[in-house]
Amino acid sequence: MANILDLDLEDEERLCNLGAALSSPARIQILKLLYYNSYNVAEIAAQLQIPTSSAALYIRSLENAGLINTVVQPGSRGSMKICSRKNDSININLTADNPDVSKLISISMPVGNFTDCKVSPSCGLASDVAFIGISDRPESFFLPERSSAQILWSASGYVEYKFPYQLPTNTPLERLMLTAEMCSEALNYKEDWQSDITIWIDGKECGTWHSPGDYGSRLGRLNPKWWRNGSTQYGKQVTLEITNDRCLINSEIASDMTLNDFSFSNANPITVRIGNKPDAKYVGGFNIFGEKFGDYEQNIIMSFVYHQHTKDRNHQ
């Protein structure tokens, strides 16, 4: 895990502190000392053969610039300040953020990475190379191999996923979007097999998409060659969108839920459930497609739309 300090031209004071800290060869030598080890002020002074008072001033400048960490610990004679490297690299963006342009963070969730499910025959899973477990056996959904699934199907019930909330702390969310390729589930396939597929967010019903059928009359664009004819082939792309004043599915009003009905935070994942309500008019099951099945090269995508610029991120 590398720590990267991100700055742009709006960070005037921090840029000035950074420039001042890097303007002295002695301060740069201190950063070199801290490549692999931590030192106290006296040790740094000794290594560079400079007065301890000078070392303390240099360290304060590097600390103010956000380049090093310092921790005060007990020493043999009072306390001592331990110095260590804080960042591994610095990115300076020479253009500022446009406050009128929204930003977006997306998470791609493989269809097999569900955390809970309730399924019934006909049901099953498959990766891009083979079936997973035995079809029509609900226990196959709990095999470890389920994480490699590229398509899953069930005649009723639901699958549930957990998405991490990815916005920086205190950043207001403007829009939450969830996109997946889905269709109904009939034995083999049936083009006019209808199903009411509902989406819940954190246990709250957000809307229902009416699937017209289980599509199999032509091959899915991405399906592997071993996937047989006469089975489900592809679905429709379904997008749930929640804002501060509406909830839409494929651009049509889905419910009266808004972002104000949720309490998203970094401390708790967002739970997404996809499936059939037991009392739905059409309990016609569901297929969910991954990036290597169906017509759309994507997994289940959750997107966060916001405005605030993100600082001091950790990058791998």
C-alpha atoms as a PDB file:
ATOM      1  CA  MET A   1       0.000   0.000   0.000  1.00  0.00           C
ATOM      2  CA  ALA A   2       1.585   3.237  -1.172  1.00  0.00           C
ATOM      3  CA  ASN A   3       0.636   6.627   0.279  1.00  0.00           C
ATOM      4  CA  ILE A   4       0.268   9.320  -2.350  1.00  0.00           C
ATOM      5  CA  LEU A   5      -0.118  13.012  -1.555  1.00  0.00           C
ATOM      6  CA  ASP A   6      -2.478  14.568  -4.121  1.00  0.00           C
ATOM      7  CA  LEU A   7      -2.432  18.361  -4.542  1.00  0.00           C
ATOM      8  CA  ASP A   8      -3.732  20.838  -7.083  1.00  0.00           C
ATOM      9  CA  LEU A   9      -3.447  24.599  -7.629  1.00  0.00           C
ATOM     10  CA  GLU A  10      -6.284  25.268  -5.189  1.00  0.00           C
ATOM     11  CA  ASP A  11      -3.997  24.052  -2.372  1.00  0.00           C
ATOM     12  CA  GLU A  12      -1.964  27.245  -2.329  1.00  0.00           C
ATOM     13  CA  GLU A  13      -0.781  27.134   1.282  1.00  0.00           C
ATOM     14  CA  ARG A  14       0.135  23.451   1.138  1.00  0.00           C
ATOM     15  CA  LEU A  15       2.014  23.947  -2.130  1.00  0.00           C
ATOM     16  CA  CYS A  16       4.003  26.815  -0.605  1.00  0.00           C
ATOM     17  CA  ASN A  17       4.843  24.693   2.450  1.00  0.00           C
ATOM     18  CA  LEU A  18       5.880  21.857   0.163  1.00  0.00           C
ATOM     19  CA  GLY A  19       8.102  24.126  -1.938  1.00  0.00           C
ATOM     20  CA  ALA A  20       9.765  25.564   1.157  1.00  0.00           C
ATOM     21  CA  ALA A  21      10.353  22.094   2.623  1.00  0.00           C
ATOM     22  CA  LEU A  22      12.009  20.827  -0.554  1.00  0.00           C
ATOM     23  CA  SER A  23      14.128  23.937  -1.137  1.00  0.00           C
ATOM     24  CA  SER A  24      16.906  22.797   1.202  1.00  0.00           C
ATOM     25  CA  PRO A  25      19.363  19.969   0.376  1.00  0.00           C
ATOM     26  CA  ALA A  26      19.541  19.146   4.103  1.00  0.00           C
ATOM     27  CA  ARG A  27      15.772  18.521   4.261  1.00  0.00           C
ATOM     28  CA  ILE A  28      15.965  16.309   1.186  1.00  0.00           C
ATOM     29  CA  GLN A  29      18.757  14.365   2.907  1.00  0.00           C
ATOM     30  CA  ILE A  30      16.444  13.830   5.872  1.00  0.00           C
ATOM     31  CA  LEU A  31      13.805  12.354   3.531  1.00  0.00           C
ATOM     32  CA  LYS A  32      16.473  10.026   2.144  1.00  0.00           C
ATOM     33  CA  LEU A  33      17.348   8.879   5.665  1.00  0.00           C
ATOM     34  CA  LEU A  34      13.713   7.995   6.208  1.00  0.00           C
ATOM     35  CA  TYR A  35      13.488   5.747   3.119  1.00  0.00           C
ATOM     36  CA  TYR A  36      13.570   2.570   5.184  1.00  0.00           C
ATOM     37  CA  ASN A  37      13.998   3.524   8.859  1.00  0.00           C
ATOM     38  CA  SER A  38      12.652   5.871  11.503  1.00  0.00           C
ATOM     39  CA  TYR A  39      14.989   8.123  13.522  1.00  0.00           C
ATOM     40  CA  ASN A  40      14.740  10.581  16.369  1.00  0.00           C
ATOM     41  CA  VAL A  41      15.932  14.164  16.001  1.00  0.00           C
ATOM     42  CA  ALA A  42      19.289  13.538  17.664  1.00  0.00           C
ATOM     43  CA  GLU A  43      20.000  10.554  15.409  1.00  0.00           C
ATOM     44  CA  ILE A  44      19.173  12.593  12.308  1.00  0.00           C
ATOM     45  CA  ALA A  45      21.451  15.410  13.478  1.00  0.00           C
ATOM     46  CA  ALA A  46      24.274  12.934  14.068  1.00  0.00           C
ATOM     47  CA  GLN A  47      23.842  11.253  10.673  1.00  0.00           C
ATOM     48  CA  LEU A  48      23.893  14.590   8.836  1.00  0.00           C
ATOM     49  CA  GLN A  49      26.509  16.130  11.135  1.00  0.00           C
ATOM     50  CA  ILE A  50      24.391  19.223  11.844  1.00  0.00           C
ATOM     51  CA  PRO A  51      23.298  20.836  15.126  1.00  0.00           C
ATOM     52  CA  THR A  52      20.266  19.249  16.784  1.00  0.00           C
ATOM     53  CA  SER A  53      18.516  22.641  16.734  1.00  0.00           C
ATOM     54  CA  SER A  54      18.897  22.816  12.948  1.00  0.00           C
ATOM     55  CA  ALA A  55      17.617  19.256  12.543  1.00  0.00           C
ATOM     56  CA  ALA A  56      14.557  20.155  14.641  1.00  0.00           C
ATOM     57  CA  LEU A  57      13.774  23.140  12.384  1.00  0.00           C
ATOM     58  CA  TYR A  58      14.119  21.047   9.227  1.00  0.00           C
ATOM     59  CA  ILE A  59      11.881  18.350  10.663  1.00  0.00           C
ATOM     60  CA  ARG A  60       9.210  20.896  11.576  1.00  0.00           C
ATOM     61  CA  SER A  61       9.238  22.196   8.003  1.00  0.00           C
ATOM     62  CA  LEU A  62       8.891  18.675   6.561  1.00  0.00           C
ATOM     63  CA  GLU A  63       6.097  17.914   8.996  1.00  0.00           C
ATOM     64  CA  ASN A  64       4.195  21.099   8.074  1.00  0.00           C
ATOM     65  CA  ALA A  65       4.455  20.107   4.407  1.00  0.00           C
ATOM     66  CA  GLY A  66       2.875  16.720   5.147  1.00  0.00           C
ATOM     67  CA  LEU A  67       5.987  14.794   4.122  1.00  0.00           C
ATOM     68  CA  ILE A  68       6.857  13.077   7.411  1.00  0.00           C
ATOM     69  CA  ASN A  69       5.152  11.812  10.547  1.00  0.00           C
ATOM     70  CA  THR A  70       6.455  12.529  14.041  1.00  0.00           C
ATOM     71  CA  VAL A  71       5.595  10.784  17.297  1.00  0.00           C
ATOM     72  CA  VAL A  72       6.817  11.844  20.745  1.00  0.00           C
ATOM     73  CA  GLN A  73       8.028   8.930  22.878  1.00  0.00           C
ATOM     74  CA  PRO A  74       9.736   8.678  26.278  1.00  0.00           C
ATOM     75  CA  GLY A  75      13.534   8.747  26.084  1.00  0.00           C
ATOM     76  CA  SER A  76      16.429   8.202  28.479  1.00  0.00           C
ATOM     77  CA  ARG A  77      16.452  11.942  29.175  1.00  0.00           C
ATOM     78  CA  GLY A  78      12.909  13.206  28.869  1.00  0.00           C
ATOM     79  CA  SER A  79      11.036  12.702  25.605  1.00  0.00           C
ATOM     80  CA  MET A  80      12.203  12.321  22.029  1.00  0.00           C
ATOM     81  CA  LYS A  81      10.543  12.883  18.663  1.00  0.00           C
ATOM     82  CA  ILE A  82      10.549   9.875  16.308  1.00  0.00           C
ATOM     83  CA  CYS A  83      10.362  10.743  12.585  1.00  0.00           C
ATOM     84  CA  SER A  84       9.137   8.500   9.770  1.00  0.00           C
ATOM     85  CA  ARG A  85       8.160   8.829   6.124  1.00  0.00           C
ATOM     86  CA  LYS A  86       4.486   9.749   5.571  1.00  0.00           C
ATOM     87  CA  ASN A  87       4.102   9.696   1.777  1.00  0.00           C
ATOM     88  CA  ASP A  88       5.763   7.688  -0.975  1.00  0.00           C
ATOM     89  CA  SER A  89       5.087  10.074  -3.835  1.00  0.00           C
ATOM     90  CA  ILE A  90       3.462  13.403  -4.650  1.00  0.00           C
ATOM     91  CA  ASN A  91       1.033  14.199  -7.451  1.00  0.00           C
ATOM     92  CA  ILE A  92       0.505  17.867  -8.295  1.00  0.00           C
ATOM     93  CA  ASN A  93      -2.359  18.539 -10.675  1.00  0.00           C
ATOM     94  CA  LEU A  94      -1.744  21.807 -12.499  1.00  0.00           C
ATOM     95  CA  THR A  95      -5.434  22.212 -13.297  1.00  0.00           C
ATOM     96  CA  ALA A  96      -8.125  22.816 -10.693  1.00  0.00           C
ATOM     97  CA  ASP A  97     -11.374  20.913 -10.335  1.00  0.00           C
ATOM     98  CA  ASN A  98     -14.426  22.382 -12.003  1.00  0.00           C
ATOM     99  CA  PRO A  99     -17.015  22.630  -9.197  1.00  0.00           C
ATOM    100  CA  ASP A 100     -19.836  22.255 -11.724  1.00  0.00           C
ATOM    101  CA  VAL A 101     -18.642  18.825 -12.906  1.00  0.00           C
ATOM    102  CA  SER A 102     -19.829  15.806 -10.932  1.00  0.00           C
ATOM    103  CA  LYS A 103     -17.422  13.038 -10.019  1.00  0.00           C
ATOM    104  CA  LEU A 104     -18.122   9.331 -10.036  1.00  0.00           C
ATOM    105  CA  ILE A 105     -16.814   6.285  -8.201  1.00  0.00           C
ATOM    106  CA  SER A 106     -17.950   2.863  -9.437  1.00  0.00           C
ATOM    107  CA  ILE A 107     -17.675  -0.643  -7.979  1.00  0.00           C
ATOM    108  CA  SER A 108     -17.920  -3.705 -10.220  1.00  0.00           C
ATOM    109  CA  MET A 109     -19.363  -6.636  -8.253  1.00  0.00           C
ATOM    110  CA  PRO A 110     -19.029 -10.133  -9.775  1.00  0.00           C
ATOM    111  CA  VAL A 111     -22.434 -11.826  -9.823  1.00  0.00           C
ATOM    112  CA  GLY A 112     -21.091 -14.752  -7.796  1.00  0.00           C
ATOM    113  CA  ASN A 113     -19.963 -12.549  -4.892  1.00  0.00           C
ATOM    114  CA  PHE A 114     -23.375 -12.565  -3.193  1.00  0.00           C
ATOM    115  CA  THR A 115     -23.398 -12.722   0.609  1.00  0.00           C
ATOM    116  CA  ASP A 116     -26.830 -14.303   1.051  1.00  0.00           C
ATOM    117  CA  CYS A 117     -29.429 -15.986  -1.105  1.00  0.00           C
ATOM    118  CA  LYS A 118     -32.700 -17.882  -1.185  1.00  0.00           C
ATOM    119  CA  VAL A 119     -33.193 -19.806  -4.414  1.00  0.00           C
ATOM    120  CA  SER A 120     -35.424 -22.536  -5.822  1.00  0.00           C
ATOM    121  CA  PRO A 121     -35.324 -24.793  -8.911  1.00  0.00           C
ATOM    122  CA  SER A 122     -34.830 -24.147 -11.669  1.00  0.00           C
ATOM    123  CA  CYS A 123     -31.644 -22.640 -10.283  1.00  0.00           C
ATOM    124  CA  GLY A 124     -27.930 -22.777 -10.827  1.00  0.00           C
ATOM    125  CA  LEU A 125     -24.667 -21.020 -11.559  1.00  0.00           C
ATOM    126  CA  ALA A 126     -21.992 -21.195 -14.226  1.00  0.00           C
ATOM    127  CA  SER A 127     -18.582 -19.698 -14.779  1.00  0.00           C
ATOM    128  CA  ASP A 128     -17.229 -18.937 -18.227  1.00  0.00           C
ATOM    129  CA  VAL A 129     -15.792 -22.474 -18.425  1.00  0.00           C
ATOM    130  CA  ALA A 130     -18.296 -24.810 -16.698  1.00  0.00           C
ATOM    131  CA  PHE A 131     -21.360 -25.223 -14.503  1.00  0.00           C
ATOM    132  CA  ILE A 132     -20.761 -24.685 -10.780  1.00  0.00           C
ATOM    133  CA  GLY A 133     -22.057 -27.572  -8.687  1.00  0.00           C
ATOM    134  CA  ILE A 134     -25.240 -29.348  -9.742  1.00  0.00           C
ATOM    135  CA  SER A 135     -28.074 -27.454 -11.404  1.00  0.00           C
ATOM    136  CA  ASP A 136     -31.390 -27.236  -9.540  1.00  0.00           C
ATOM    137  CA  ARG A 137     -29.624 -27.919  -6.240  1.00  0.00           C
ATOM    138  CA  PRO A 138     -29.838 -24.763  -4.061  1.00  0.00           C
ATOM    139  CA  GLU A 139     -26.848 -25.908  -2.008  1.00  0.00           C
ATOM    140  CA  SER A 140     -24.633 -25.289  -5.062  1.00  0.00           C
ATOM    141  CA  PHE A 141     -25.048 -21.566  -4.340  1.00  0.00           C
ATOM    142  CA  PHE A 142     -22.902 -22.009  -1.218  1.00  0.00           C
ATOM    143  CA  LEU A 143     -19.935 -23.664  -2.899  1.00  0.00           C
ATOM    144  CA  PRO A 144     -16.707 -21.629  -2.704  1.00  0.00           C
ATOM    145  CA  GLU A 145     -16.549 -21.732  -6.500  1.00  0.00           C
ATOM    146  CA  ARG A 146     -19.612 -19.482  -6.665  1.00  0.00           C
ATOM    147  CA  SER A 147     -17.278 -16.446  -6.670  1.00  0.00           C
ATOM    148  CA  SER A 148     -16.296 -17.310 -10.254  1.00  0.00           C
ATOM    149  CA  ALA A 149     -19.918 -17.339 -11.487  1.00  0.00           C
ATOM    150  CA  GLN A 150     -20.672 -15.370 -14.658  1.00  0.00           C
ATOM    151  CA  ILE A 151     -24.383 -16.188 -14.698  1.00  0.00           C
ATOM    152  CA  LEU A 152     -26.836 -17.301 -12.015  1.00  0.00           C
ATOM    153  CA  TRP A 153     -30.523 -18.104 -12.137  1.00  0.00           C
ATOM    154  CA  SER A 154     -33.420 -19.016  -9.856  1.00  0.00           C
ATOM    155  CA  ALA A 155     -37.153 -19.593 -10.261  1.00  0.00           C
ATOM    156  CA  SER A 156     -37.862 -17.426  -7.198  1.00  0.00           C
ATOM    157  CA  GLY A 157     -36.247 -15.927  -4.102  1.00  0.00           C
ATOM    158  CA  TYR A 158     -33.324 -13.508  -4.110  1.00  0.00           C
ATOM    159  CA  VAL A 159     -29.583 -12.946  -4.042  1.00  0.00           C
ATOM    160  CA  GLU A 160     -27.976 -10.297  -1.840  1.00  0.00           C
ATOM    161  CA  TYR A 161     -24.734  -8.336  -2.203  1.00  0.00           C
ATOM    162  CA  LYS A 162     -22.771  -5.944   0.004  1.00  0.00           C
ATOM    163  CA  PHE A 163     -21.060  -2.916  -1.542  1.00  0.00           C
ATOM    164  CA  PRO A 164     -18.597  -0.712   0.378  1.00  0.00           C
ATOM    165  CA  TYR A 165     -19.608   2.933   0.625  1.00  0.00           C
ATOM    166  CA  GLN A 166     -16.743   4.663  -1.185  1.00  0.00           C
ATOM    167  CA  LEU A 167     -17.288   8.399  -0.769  1.00  0.00           C
ATOM    168  CA  PRO A 168     -14.831  10.474   1.269  1.00  0.00           C
ATOM    169  CA  THR A 169     -16.038  11.394   4.747  1.00  0.00           C
ATOM    170  CA  ASN A 170     -18.522  14.296   4.852  1.00  0.00           C
ATOM    171  CA  THR A 171     -18.981  14.259   1.075  1.00  0.00           C
ATOM    172  CA  PRO A 172     -22.654  14.630   0.099  1.00  0.00           C
ATOM    173  CA  LEU A 173     -23.951  11.952  -2.258  1.00  0.00           C
ATOM    174  CA  GLU A 174     -25.887  13.315  -5.237  1.00  0.00           C
ATOM    175  CA  ARG A 175     -26.924  10.101  -6.939  1.00  0.00           C
ATOM    176  CA  LEU A 176     -26.678   6.356  -6.347  1.00  0.00           C
ATOM    177  CA  MET A 177     -26.927   4.082  -9.388  1.00  0.00           C
ATOM    178  CA  LEU A 178     -27.104   0.307  -9.686  1.00  0.00           C
ATOM    179  CA  THR A 179     -26.861  -1.376 -13.096  1.00  0.00           C
ATOM    180  CA  ALA A 180     -27.169  -5.066 -13.981  1.00  0.00           C
ATOM    181  CA  GLU A 181     -28.142  -7.271 -16.907  1.00  0.00           C
ATOM    182  CA  MET A 182     -31.176  -9.373 -15.969  1.00  0.00           C
ATOM    183  CA  CYS A 183     -34.146 -11.307 -17.294  1.00  0.00           C
ATOM    184  CA  SER A 184     -36.790 -13.799 -16.115  1.00  0.00           C
ATOM    185  CA  GLU A 185     -36.102 -17.498 -15.488  1.00  0.00           C
ATOM    186  CA  ALA A 186     -38.136 -20.237 -17.155  1.00  0.00           C
ATOM    187  CA  LEU A 187     -37.190 -23.870 -17.688  1.00  0.00           C
ATOM    188  CA  ASN A 188     -34.868 -23.799 -20.711  1.00  0.00           C
ATOM    189  CA  TYR A 189     -36.160 -20.421 -21.943  1.00  0.00           C
ATOM    190  CA  LYS A 190     -39.433 -18.697 -22.795  1.00  0.00           C
ATOM    191  CA  GLU A 191     -39.481 -15.334 -24.537  1.00  0.00           C
ATOM    192  CA  ASP A 192     -42.769 -14.191 -22.969  1.00  0.00           C
ATOM    193  CA  TRP A 193     -42.153 -15.535 -19.435  1.00  0.00           C
ATOM    194  CA  GLN A 194     -42.840 -12.463 -17.287  1.00  0.00           C
ATOM    195  CA  SER A 195     -41.273 -11.696 -13.927  1.00  0.00           C
ATOM    196  CA  ASP A 196     -41.452  -8.829 -11.431  1.00  0.00           C
ATOM    197  CA  ILE A 197     -37.853  -8.396 -10.259  1.00  0.00           C
ATOM    198  CA  THR A 198     -37.533  -6.126  -7.228  1.00  0.00           C
ATOM    199  CA  ILE A 199     -34.458  -4.269  -5.971  1.00  0.00           C
ATOM    200  CA  TRP A 200     -33.997  -3.483  -2.275  1.00  0.00           C
ATOM    201  CA  ILE A 201     -31.286  -1.176  -0.877  1.00  0.00           C
ATOM    202  CA  ASP A 202     -30.457  -1.637   2.826  1.00  0.00           C
ATOM    203  CA  GLY A 203     -33.692  -3.538   3.296  1.00  0.00           C
ATOM    204  CA  LYS A 204     -35.854  -0.834   1.708  1.00  0.00           C
ATOM    205  CA  GLU A 205     -37.857  -1.622  -1.398  1.00  0.00           C
ATOM    206  CA  CYS A 206     -36.765   0.763  -4.132  1.00  0.00           C
ATOM    207  CA  GLY A 207     -38.659  -0.482  -7.142  1.00  0.00           C
ATOM    208  CA  THR A 208     -39.625  -3.359  -9.386  1.00  0.00           C
ATOM    209  CA  TRP A 209     -38.583  -3.988 -12.965  1.00  0.00           C
ATOM    210  CA  HIS A 210     -41.066  -5.972 -15.030  1.00  0.00           C
ATOM    211  CA  SER A 211     -39.068  -8.432 -17.118  1.00  0.00           C
ATOM    212  CA  PRO A 212     -40.900  -9.356 -20.329  1.00  0.00           C
ATOM    213  CA  GLY A 213     -39.272 -12.750 -20.735  1.00  0.00           C
ATOM    214  CA  ASP A 214     -36.446 -15.247 -20.449  1.00  0.00           C
ATOM    215  CA  TYR A 215     -34.496 -14.648 -23.640  1.00  0.00           C
ATOM    216  CA  GLY A 216     -33.005 -17.542 -25.566  1.00  0.00           C
ATOM    217  CA  SER A 217     -34.066 -17.327 -29.189  1.00  0.00           C
ATOM    218  CA  ARG A 218     -30.625 -16.035 -30.162  1.00  0.00           C
ATOM    219  CA  LEU A 219     -27.161 -16.438 -28.696  1.00  0.00           C
ATOM    220  CA  GLY A 220     -25.866 -13.968 -26.151  1.00  0.00           C
ATOM    221  CA  ARG A 221     -23.094 -11.787 -27.547  1.00  0.00           C
ATOM    222  CA  LEU A 222     -20.575 -12.759 -24.862  1.00  0.00           C
ATOM    223  CA  ASN A 223     -21.575 -16.325 -24.035  1.00  0.00           C
ATOM    224  CA  PRO A 224     -18.805 -18.972 -24.095  1.00  0.00           C
ATOM    225  CA  LYS A 225     -18.970 -21.553 -26.869  1.00  0.00           C
ATOM    226  CA  TRP A 226     -19.745 -24.426 -24.494  1.00  0.00           C
ATOM    227  CA  TRP A 227     -23.004 -22.769 -23.329  1.00  0.00           C
ATOM    228  CA  ARG A 228     -25.739 -24.768 -25.022  1.00  0.00           C
ATOM    229  CA  ASN A 229     -28.516 -23.556 -27.305  1.00  0.00           C
ATOM    230  CA  GLY A 230     -31.993 -23.839 -25.855  1.00  0.00           C
ATOM    231  CA  SER A 231     -30.979 -22.082 -22.620  1.00  0.00           C
ATOM    232  CA  THR A 232     -31.175 -18.500 -21.392  1.00  0.00           C
ATOM    233  CA  GLN A 233     -28.845 -16.392 -23.543  1.00  0.00           C
ATOM    234  CA  TYR A 234     -29.043 -12.720 -22.572  1.00  0.00           C
ATOM    235  CA  GLY A 235     -30.980 -10.115 -20.594  1.00  0.00           C
ATOM    236  CA  LYS A 236     -31.894  -6.455 -20.561  1.00  0.00           C
ATOM    237  CA  GLN A 237     -29.763  -3.775 -18.944  1.00  0.00           C
ATOM    238  CA  VAL A 238     -31.564  -2.480 -15.849  1.00  0.00           C
ATOM    239  CA  THR A 239     -30.509   0.726 -14.066  1.00  0.00           C
ATOM    240  CA  LEU A 240     -31.803   1.861 -10.681  1.00  0.00           C
ATOM    241  CA  GLU A 241     -31.132   5.534  -9.947  1.00  0.00           C
ATOM    242  CA  ILE A 242     -31.783   7.219  -6.589  1.00  0.00           C
ATOM    243  CA  THR A 243     -31.425  10.993  -6.142  1.00  0.00           C
ATOM    244  CA  ASN A 244     -32.517  13.527  -3.551  1.00  0.00           C
ATOM    245  CA  ASP A 245     -35.984  13.743  -5.071  1.00  0.00           C
ATOM    246  CA  ARG A 246     -36.727  10.573  -7.016  1.00  0.00           C
ATOM    247  CA  CYS A 247     -36.118   6.875  -7.599  1.00  0.00           C
ATOM    248  CA  LEU A 248     -36.062   5.605 -11.180  1.00  0.00           C
ATOM    249  CA  ILE A 249     -35.679   2.288 -12.946  1.00  0.00           C
ATOM    250  CA  ASN A 250     -34.666   2.702 -16.587  1.00  0.00           C
ATOM    251  CA  SER A 251     -35.675   6.387 -16.424  1.00  0.00           C
ATOM    252  CA  GLU A 252     -39.202   5.665 -15.166  1.00  0.00           C
ATOM    253  CA  ILE A 253     -40.454   6.462 -11.643  1.00  0.00           C
ATOM    254  CA  ALA A 254     -40.067   3.305  -9.547  1.00  0.00           C
ATOM    255  CA  SER A 255     -40.992   4.444  -6.031  1.00  0.00           C
ATOM    256  CA  ASP A 256     -41.062   7.472  -3.721  1.00  0.00           C
ATOM    257  CA  MET A 257     -37.710   6.542  -2.143  1.00  0.00           C
ATOM    258  CA  THR A 258     -34.987   9.226  -2.159  1.00  0.00           C
ATOM    259  CA  LEU A 259     -31.439   9.480  -0.814  1.00  0.00           C
ATOM    260  CA  ASN A 260     -32.895  11.118   2.289  1.00  0.00           C
ATOM    261  CA  ASP A 261     -34.424   7.745   3.216  1.00  0.00           C
ATOM    262  CA  PHE A 262     -30.964   6.207   3.678  1.00  0.00           C
ATOM    263  CA  SER A 263     -28.066   6.702   6.097  1.00  0.00           C
ATOM    264  CA  PHE A 264     -25.058   5.629   4.056  1.00  0.00           C
ATOM    265  CA  SER A 265     -21.669   5.741   5.781  1.00  0.00           C
ATOM    266  CA  ASN A 266     -18.170   4.334   5.428  1.00  0.00           C
ATOM    267  CA  ALA A 267     -18.758   2.294   8.588  1.00  0.00           C
ATOM    268  CA  ASN A 268     -21.393   0.049   7.008  1.00  0.00           C
ATOM    269  CA  PRO A 269     -21.651  -1.649   3.614  1.00  0.00           C
ATOM    270  CA  ILE A 270     -24.665  -1.053   1.389  1.00  0.00           C
ATOM    271  CA  THR A 271     -26.831  -4.166   1.097  1.00  0.00           C
ATOM    272  CA  VAL A 272     -28.405  -4.808  -2.302  1.00  0.00           C
ATOM    273  CA  ARG A 273     -31.056  -7.502  -2.737  1.00  0.00           C
ATOM    274  CA  ILE A 274     -32.366  -8.569  -6.153  1.00  0.00           C
ATOM    275  CA  GLY A 275     -35.237 -11.005  -6.510  1.00  0.00           C
ATOM    276  CA  ASN A 276     -38.960 -11.743  -6.503  1.00  0.00           C
ATOM    277  CA  LYS A 277     -41.358 -10.679  -3.771  1.00  0.00           C
ATOM    278  CA  PRO A 278     -43.372 -13.733  -2.660  1.00  0.00           C
ATOM    279  CA  ASP A 279     -46.626 -11.851  -3.357  1.00  0.00           C
ATOM    280  CA  ALA A 280     -45.553 -10.387  -6.718  1.00  0.00           C
ATOM    281  CA  LYS A 281     -48.030 -10.692  -9.583  1.00  0.00           C
ATOM    282  CA  TYR A 282     -45.393 -12.428 -11.695  1.00  0.00           C
ATOM    283  CA  VAL A 283     -43.007 -14.601  -9.687  1.00  0.00           C
ATOM    284  CA  GLY A 284     -41.070 -15.544 -12.770  1.00  0.00           C
ATOM    285  CA  GLY A 285     -37.597 -15.875 -11.322  1.00  0.00           C
ATOM    286  CA  PHE A 286     -34.462 -14.106 -12.465  1.00  0.00           C
ATOM    287  CA  ASN A 287     -31.194 -14.485 -14.356  1.00  0.00           C
ATOM    288  CA  ILE A 288     -28.283 -12.154 -13.552  1.00  0.00           C
ATOM    289  CA  PHE A 289     -25.390 -11.942 -16.004  1.00  0.00           C
ATOM    290  CA  GLY A 290     -21.712 -11.180 -15.428  1.00  0.00           C
ATOM    291  CA  GLU A 291     -19.176  -9.577 -17.716  1.00  0.00           C
ATOM    292  CA  LYS A 292     -18.581 -12.782 -19.733  1.00  0.00           C
ATOM    293  CA  PHE A 293     -22.219 -13.742 -20.327  1.00  0.00           C
ATOM    294  CA  GLY A 294     -25.178 -12.140 -22.048  1.00  0.00           C
ATOM    295  CA  ASP A 295     -24.968  -8.975 -24.141  1.00  0.00           C
ATOM    296  CA  TYR A 296     -23.326  -6.436 -21.807  1.00  0.00           C
ATOM    297  CA  GLU A 297     -19.681  -6.695 -20.777  1.00  0.00           C
ATOM    298  CA  GLN A 298     -20.213  -5.755 -17.145  1.00  0.00           C
ATOM    299  CA  ASN A 299     -20.823  -7.145 -13.687  1.00  0.00           C
ATOM    300  CA  ILE A 300     -23.278  -5.581 -11.234  1.00  0.00           C
ATOM    301  CA  ILE A 301     -22.177  -1.935 -11.083  1.00  0.00           C
ATOM    302  CA  MET A 302     -22.823   0.442  -8.197  1.00  0.00           C
ATOM    303  CA  SER A 303     -21.913   4.070  -8.886  1.00  0.00           C
ATOM    304  CA  PHE A 304     -21.668   7.043  -6.519  1.00  0.00           C
ATOM    305  CA  VAL A 305     -22.036  10.519  -8.030  1.00  0.00           C
ATOM    306  CA  TYR A 306     -20.730  13.453  -5.955  1.00  0.00           C
ATOM    307  CA  HIS A 307     -19.026  16.851  -6.254  1.00  0.00           C
ATOM    308  CA  GLN A 308     -16.244  17.142  -3.679  1.00  0.00           C
ATOM    309  CA  HIS A 309     -12.573  16.752  -4.611  1.00  0.00           C
ATOM    310  CA  THR A 310     -10.814  13.902  -2.806  1.00  0.00           C
ATOM    311  CA  LYS A 311      -7.521  14.661  -1.039  1.00  0.00           C
ATOM    312  CA  ASP A 312      -4.771  12.552   0.475  1.00  0.00           C
ATOM    313  CA  ARG A 313      -5.999   9.222  -0.897  1.00  0.00           C
ATOM    314  CA  ASN A 314      -4.263   5.943  -0.295  1.00  0.00           C
ATOM    315  CA  HIS A 315      -3.475   4.038  -3.503  1.00  0.00           C
ATOM    316  CA  GLN A 316      -2.299   0.563  -4.045  1.00  0.00           C
END
